[in-house]
């Protein structure tokens, strides 16, 4: 696994859709104020780390899970997501596959069901 410098410091369309859904679910996130500092594609998911991410992963305490399935062409069982928080500040958005599927990070044609 290697971290990739983000091509933009802005969240991408899929990340924004997930953050918007999580905001409705009780994790108020102002995506316009988030700065992406790294994005890692693992083959089974991704980690998008935000500038507020000071604590190391072992200190991430709070999380809000996405309550819908993310459908992406080429990922038969879909994706899920968790937003890791510390003191209500977004630290990392984790996106993961189900059923041992692989995912290359592409999301064209995604749908939250």
Protein backbone atom coordinates (compact mmCIF):
# COMPACT_ATOMS: atom_id res chain seq x y z
CA UNK A 1 0.00 0.00 0.00
CA UNK A 2 1.34 3.38 -0.87
CA UNK A 3 -0.07 6.81 -0.26
CA UNK A 4 -0.77 8.93 -3.28
CA UNK A 5 -0.58 12.68 -3.37
CA UNK A 6 -4.08 13.87 -4.17
CA UNK A 7 -4.46 15.51 -7.57
CA UNK A 8 -6.61 18.07 -5.79
CA UNK A 9 -6.91 19.25 -2.21
CA UNK A 10 -10.68 19.03 -2.69
CA UNK A 11 -12.78 15.95 -2.04
CA UNK A 12 -13.85 14.19 -5.26
CA UNK A 13 -17.48 13.68 -6.34
CA UNK A 14 -17.83 10.29 -4.64
CA UNK A 15 -16.31 11.55 -1.40
CA UNK A 16 -18.58 14.60 -1.46
CA UNK A 17 -21.66 12.41 -1.98
CA UNK A 18 -20.64 10.19 0.95
CA UNK A 19 -19.91 13.19 3.19
CA UNK A 20 -23.28 14.73 2.29
CA UNK A 21 -25.07 11.48 3.19
CA UNK A 22 -23.14 11.21 6.46
CA UNK A 23 -24.08 14.80 7.31
CA UNK A 24 -27.74 13.85 6.99
CA UNK A 25 -27.04 10.82 9.21
CA UNK A 26 -25.76 12.98 12.06
CA UNK A 27 -22.10 13.76 11.31
CA UNK A 28 -22.26 17.41 10.27
CA UNK A 29 -19.41 17.95 7.83
CA UNK A 30 -18.73 21.14 5.92
CA UNK A 31 -16.98 19.61 2.90
CA UNK A 32 -16.09 23.07 1.57
CA UNK A 33 -13.74 23.50 4.55
CA UNK A 34 -12.03 20.13 4.20
CA UNK A 35 -8.58 19.91 2.68
CA UNK A 36 -7.46 16.53 1.35
CA UNK A 37 -3.84 15.85 2.28
CA UNK A 38 -3.57 12.27 1.03
CA UNK A 39 -5.56 9.64 -0.76
CA UNK A 40 -4.51 6.00 -0.67
CA UNK A 41 -6.05 3.35 -2.93
CA UNK A 42 -5.45 -0.10 -1.43
CA UNK A 43 -7.07 -2.37 -4.01
CA UNK A 44 -9.86 -3.22 -1.56
CA UNK A 45 -10.77 0.37 -0.75
CA UNK A 46 -9.31 3.77 -0.06
CA UNK A 47 -8.34 6.17 2.70
CA UNK A 48 -8.79 9.91 2.21
CA UNK A 49 -7.05 11.85 4.95
CA UNK A 50 -8.04 15.42 5.74
CA UNK A 51 -5.86 18.26 7.03
CA UNK A 52 -7.42 18.09 10.49
CA UNK A 53 -5.92 14.62 10.91
CA UNK A 54 -3.44 15.19 13.73
CA UNK A 55 -3.87 12.04 15.82
CA UNK A 56 -2.43 8.73 14.56
CA UNK A 57 -5.00 6.05 13.56
CA UNK A 58 -4.77 4.25 16.90
CA UNK A 59 -6.24 7.36 18.56
CA UNK A 60 -9.21 7.72 16.19
CA UNK A 61 -12.15 7.19 18.49
CA UNK A 62 -15.37 8.24 16.86
CA UNK A 63 -16.79 7.00 13.58
CA UNK A 64 -19.95 7.29 11.56
CA UNK A 65 -20.79 4.56 9.08
CA UNK A 66 -22.58 5.06 5.81
CA UNK A 67 -26.08 3.58 5.96
CA UNK A 68 -26.40 2.82 2.25
CA UNK A 69 -24.57 0.71 -0.32
CA UNK A 70 -22.36 2.45 -2.88
CA UNK A 71 -22.77 0.81 -6.27
CA UNK A 72 -19.85 1.21 -8.66
CA UNK A 73 -19.55 -0.50 -12.05
CA UNK A 74 -17.06 -3.36 -11.82
CA UNK A 75 -17.49 -3.90 -8.07
CA UNK A 76 -20.12 -6.66 -7.83
CA UNK A 77 -20.83 -6.47 -4.09
CA UNK A 78 -20.56 -2.70 -3.78
CA UNK A 79 -18.74 -0.40 -1.37
CA UNK A 80 -19.28 0.86 2.15
CA UNK A 81 -17.76 3.83 3.96
CA UNK A 82 -16.81 5.05 7.43
CA UNK A 83 -15.84 8.57 8.43
CA UNK A 84 -13.34 8.62 11.31
CA UNK A 85 -13.62 11.64 13.61
CA UNK A 86 -11.82 13.18 16.56
CA UNK A 87 -13.73 15.80 18.56
CA UNK A 88 -16.22 15.94 15.67
CA UNK A 89 -13.46 16.86 13.18
CA UNK A 90 -13.18 14.63 10.10
CA UNK A 91 -9.89 12.76 10.08
CA UNK A 92 -10.22 10.10 7.43
CA UNK A 93 -12.85 8.77 5.05
CA UNK A 94 -12.45 5.03 4.61
CA UNK A 95 -14.15 3.39 1.62
CA UNK A 96 -14.11 -0.41 1.45
CA UNK A 97 -15.34 -3.28 -0.70
CA UNK A 98 -17.55 -6.17 0.33
CA UNK A 99 -17.13 -9.84 -0.45
CA UNK A 100 -13.43 -9.74 -1.30
CA UNK A 101 -13.99 -7.53 -4.34
CA UNK A 102 -11.18 -5.41 -5.75
CA UNK A 103 -11.53 -1.71 -6.51
CA UNK A 104 -9.11 0.52 -8.36
CA UNK A 105 -10.55 3.78 -7.03
CA UNK A 106 -12.57 4.67 -10.13
CA UNK A 107 -16.12 5.74 -9.43
CA UNK A 108 -17.68 6.84 -12.74
CA UNK A 109 -21.34 5.86 -12.69
CA UNK A 110 -21.51 5.45 -8.90
CA UNK A 111 -24.85 5.38 -7.10
CA UNK A 112 -25.70 5.48 -3.40
CA UNK A 113 -28.58 3.05 -2.79
